Amino acid sequence: MNQAIEDSQKVPRTRFAQAIVAVGTEHLIGMIELNISSHTDRSGEIGYIVHPDAWGQGVATAAARRMLKFGFEELQLHRIYATCDPRNSGSSKVLTKIGMTYEGRLRDALLIKDGWRDSLMFSMLEHEWTGSPLKINSCFRLVSSLEYKY
C-alpha cells in the first residue's frame, strides 16, 4: 500500500490503486488498480486481488467494471488489458463477464517461485466500452489508497 500511495504522487500519474472495503465493517477485502502502460498509446492494465472470503459475491466483477469506466471515461484510454493465471478460472470468468476479449496465451510470461507460468491475455478497446449502467454491489465500496486507514 505504501508503494501505491507513493505512486499516486508521481507526475504524470501512471498508477491508480483503490482498496476494496466491506461496507459496515470497513474491512479491507481486496484491491484493484489501473496502471497506465503508455500515455502515448493510451493503454492501461487492470489488476485485482480479492480475499477468498469474498469470492463468488461479484466483488471483482463490479470493481473491474468500475475501473474500466474510470479508464475509458475519465482517463480517455484507448485500450485496457488484463492478464491472469490460466489455472484461475474465476478470474478468467470475471474478465469475460466484464466484456473483455480473450486475446490468447502468453507462454512462460512470468517467473514465479515454482517456475515459469503462462498468462491469459484479455482486453477491451474504447469503442467496445458500452458505458452501460454498472450493477451496484452494495456490500463493498472502493476507497482511494490515500484515504484508507490501515
Protein backbone atom coordinates (compact mmCIF):
# COMPACT_ATOMS: atom_id res chain seq x y z
CA MET A 1 0.00 0.00 0.00
CA ASN A 2 2.84 2.39 0.77
CA GLN A 3 4.04 1.99 -2.82
CA ALA A 4 0.53 2.75 -4.13
CA ILE A 5 0.44 5.95 -2.06
CA GLU A 6 3.89 6.97 -3.31
CA ASP A 7 2.91 6.20 -6.92
CA SER A 8 -0.21 8.39 -6.62
CA GLN A 9 2.06 11.43 -6.15
CA LYS A 10 4.02 10.94 -9.40
CA VAL A 11 3.53 13.26 -12.37
CA PRO A 12 2.37 12.12 -14.81
CA ARG A 13 0.45 9.66 -12.73
CA THR A 14 0.59 6.08 -14.03
CA ARG A 15 -0.96 4.08 -11.17
CA PHE A 16 -4.47 4.34 -9.79
CA ALA A 17 -4.93 1.93 -6.87
CA GLN A 18 -8.06 1.56 -4.79
CA ALA A 19 -8.83 -0.50 -1.73
CA ILE A 20 -11.97 -2.65 -1.85
CA VAL A 21 -13.64 -2.22 1.53
CA ALA A 22 -16.61 -4.11 3.03
CA VAL A 23 -19.47 -1.75 3.83
CA GLY A 24 -20.35 -1.76 7.51
CA THR A 25 -17.16 -3.34 8.82
CA GLU A 26 -14.74 -1.24 6.73
CA HIS A 27 -12.53 -4.35 6.48
CA LEU A 28 -10.15 -4.45 3.55
CA ILE A 29 -11.35 -7.28 1.27
CA GLY A 30 -9.25 -6.57 -1.77
CA MET A 31 -7.51 -4.14 -4.03
CA ILE A 32 -7.87 -3.07 -7.64
CA GLU A 33 -5.63 -0.90 -9.73
CA LEU A 34 -5.21 0.52 -13.19
CA ASN A 35 -1.67 1.09 -14.43
CA ILE A 36 -1.13 3.27 -17.48
CA SER A 37 1.39 1.33 -19.55
CA SER A 38 1.68 4.04 -22.24
CA HIS A 39 0.38 7.61 -22.22
CA THR A 40 1.28 7.89 -25.92
CA ASP A 41 -0.70 4.79 -26.90
CA ARG A 42 -3.40 5.49 -24.29
CA SER A 43 -3.21 1.96 -22.91
CA GLY A 44 -3.52 0.59 -19.42
CA GLU A 45 -3.69 -2.64 -17.45
CA ILE A 46 -6.08 -3.56 -14.66
CA GLY A 47 -5.24 -5.97 -11.88
CA TYR A 48 -7.09 -7.01 -8.76
CA ILE A 49 -6.95 -9.27 -5.75
CA VAL A 50 -9.91 -10.26 -3.57
CA HIS A 51 -9.82 -12.09 -0.25
CA PRO A 52 -11.10 -15.68 -0.61
CA ASP A 53 -13.93 -14.97 1.89
CA ALA A 54 -15.37 -12.53 -0.67
CA TRP A 55 -15.05 -14.79 -3.74
CA GLY A 56 -18.26 -15.54 -5.64
CA GLN A 57 -20.01 -12.37 -4.45
CA GLY A 58 -19.44 -10.26 -7.57
CA VAL A 59 -16.83 -8.09 -5.88
CA ALA A 60 -14.11 -8.47 -8.54
CA THR A 61 -16.62 -8.11 -11.38
CA ALA A 62 -18.13 -4.89 -10.02
CA ALA A 63 -14.75 -3.40 -9.09
CA ALA A 64 -13.28 -4.24 -12.52
CA ARG A 65 -16.28 -2.66 -14.29
CA ARG A 66 -15.78 0.50 -12.24
CA MET A 67 -12.11 0.57 -13.20
CA LEU A 68 -12.96 0.15 -16.90
CA LYS A 69 -15.40 3.04 -16.61
CA PHE A 70 -12.71 5.18 -14.98
CA GLY A 71 -10.11 4.22 -17.59
CA PHE A 72 -12.29 4.86 -20.64
CA GLU A 73 -14.44 7.76 -19.45
CA GLU A 74 -12.09 9.69 -17.15
CA LEU A 75 -8.61 8.85 -18.45
CA GLN A 76 -9.70 8.55 -22.11
CA LEU A 77 -7.71 5.34 -22.64
CA HIS A 78 -7.91 3.55 -25.98
CA ARG A 79 -7.10 0.03 -24.75
CA ILE A 80 -7.29 -1.64 -21.35
CA TYR A 81 -5.95 -5.14 -20.85
CA ALA A 82 -5.60 -7.69 -18.07
CA THR A 83 -3.81 -10.98 -17.63
CA CYS A 84 -4.49 -13.92 -15.36
CA ASP A 85 -3.10 -17.30 -14.42
CA PRO A 86 -4.62 -20.00 -16.68
CA ARG A 87 -5.41 -22.02 -13.52
CA ASN A 88 -7.52 -19.16 -12.15
CA SER A 89 -10.84 -19.88 -13.86
CA GLY A 90 -12.63 -17.40 -11.58
CA SER A 91 -10.52 -14.53 -12.84
CA SER A 92 -10.97 -15.54 -16.49
CA LYS A 93 -14.74 -15.57 -15.89
CA VAL A 94 -14.57 -12.07 -14.37
CA LEU A 95 -12.66 -10.70 -17.36
CA THR A 96 -15.08 -12.32 -19.82
CA LYS A 97 -18.11 -11.16 -17.81
CA ILE A 98 -16.99 -7.52 -17.91
CA GLY A 99 -16.80 -7.74 -21.70
CA MET A 100 -13.11 -8.15 -22.32
CA THR A 101 -12.00 -10.19 -25.32
CA TYR A 102 -9.71 -13.17 -24.87
CA GLU A 103 -6.62 -12.48 -26.98
CA GLY A 104 -4.52 -15.54 -26.25
CA ARG A 105 -1.99 -17.25 -24.06
CA LEU A 106 1.39 -15.72 -23.26
CA ARG A 107 3.76 -18.65 -22.78
CA ASP A 108 6.24 -18.58 -19.88
CA ALA A 109 5.34 -14.94 -19.25
CA LEU A 110 6.14 -14.84 -15.52
CA LEU A 111 8.83 -16.37 -13.37
CA ILE A 112 7.31 -17.28 -10.02
CA LYS A 113 8.61 -19.37 -7.15
CA ASP A 114 7.72 -22.75 -8.70
CA GLY A 115 8.97 -21.85 -12.18
CA TRP A 116 7.67 -20.21 -15.32
CA ARG A 117 3.96 -19.53 -15.67
CA ASP A 118 1.79 -18.76 -18.67
CA SER A 119 -0.70 -15.88 -18.63
CA LEU A 120 -4.01 -15.44 -20.40
CA MET A 121 -4.46 -12.04 -22.07
CA PHE A 122 -7.79 -10.18 -22.25
CA SER A 123 -8.52 -6.67 -23.49
CA MET A 124 -11.16 -4.11 -24.33
CA LEU A 125 -10.92 -1.18 -26.77
CA GLU A 126 -12.58 2.17 -26.22
CA HIS A 127 -15.18 1.62 -28.97
CA GLU A 128 -16.18 -1.67 -27.29
CA TRP A 129 -16.92 0.08 -23.98
CA THR A 130 -20.67 0.45 -23.85
CA GLY A 131 -20.77 2.71 -20.84
CA SER A 132 -23.74 0.66 -19.70
CA PRO A 133 -25.02 1.22 -16.17
CA LEU A 134 -22.89 -0.54 -13.59
CA LYS A 135 -24.50 -3.13 -11.40
CA ILE A 136 -24.21 -1.80 -7.91
CA ASN A 137 -22.85 -4.21 -5.35
CA SER A 138 -23.70 -2.52 -2.07
CA CYS A 139 -21.63 -4.89 0.08
CA PHE A 140 -18.38 -3.07 -0.75
CA ARG A 141 -17.01 0.26 -1.84
CA LEU A 142 -13.79 1.44 -3.48
CA VAL A 143 -11.57 3.75 -1.48
CA SER A 144 -8.55 5.64 -2.74
CA SER A 145 -5.34 4.23 -1.32
CA LEU A 146 -4.74 7.73 0.07
CA GLU A 147 -7.98 7.66 2.08
CA TYR A 148 -7.94 4.14 3.51
CA LYS A 149 -6.91 3.89 7.18
CA TYR A 150 -4.80 0.77 7.76
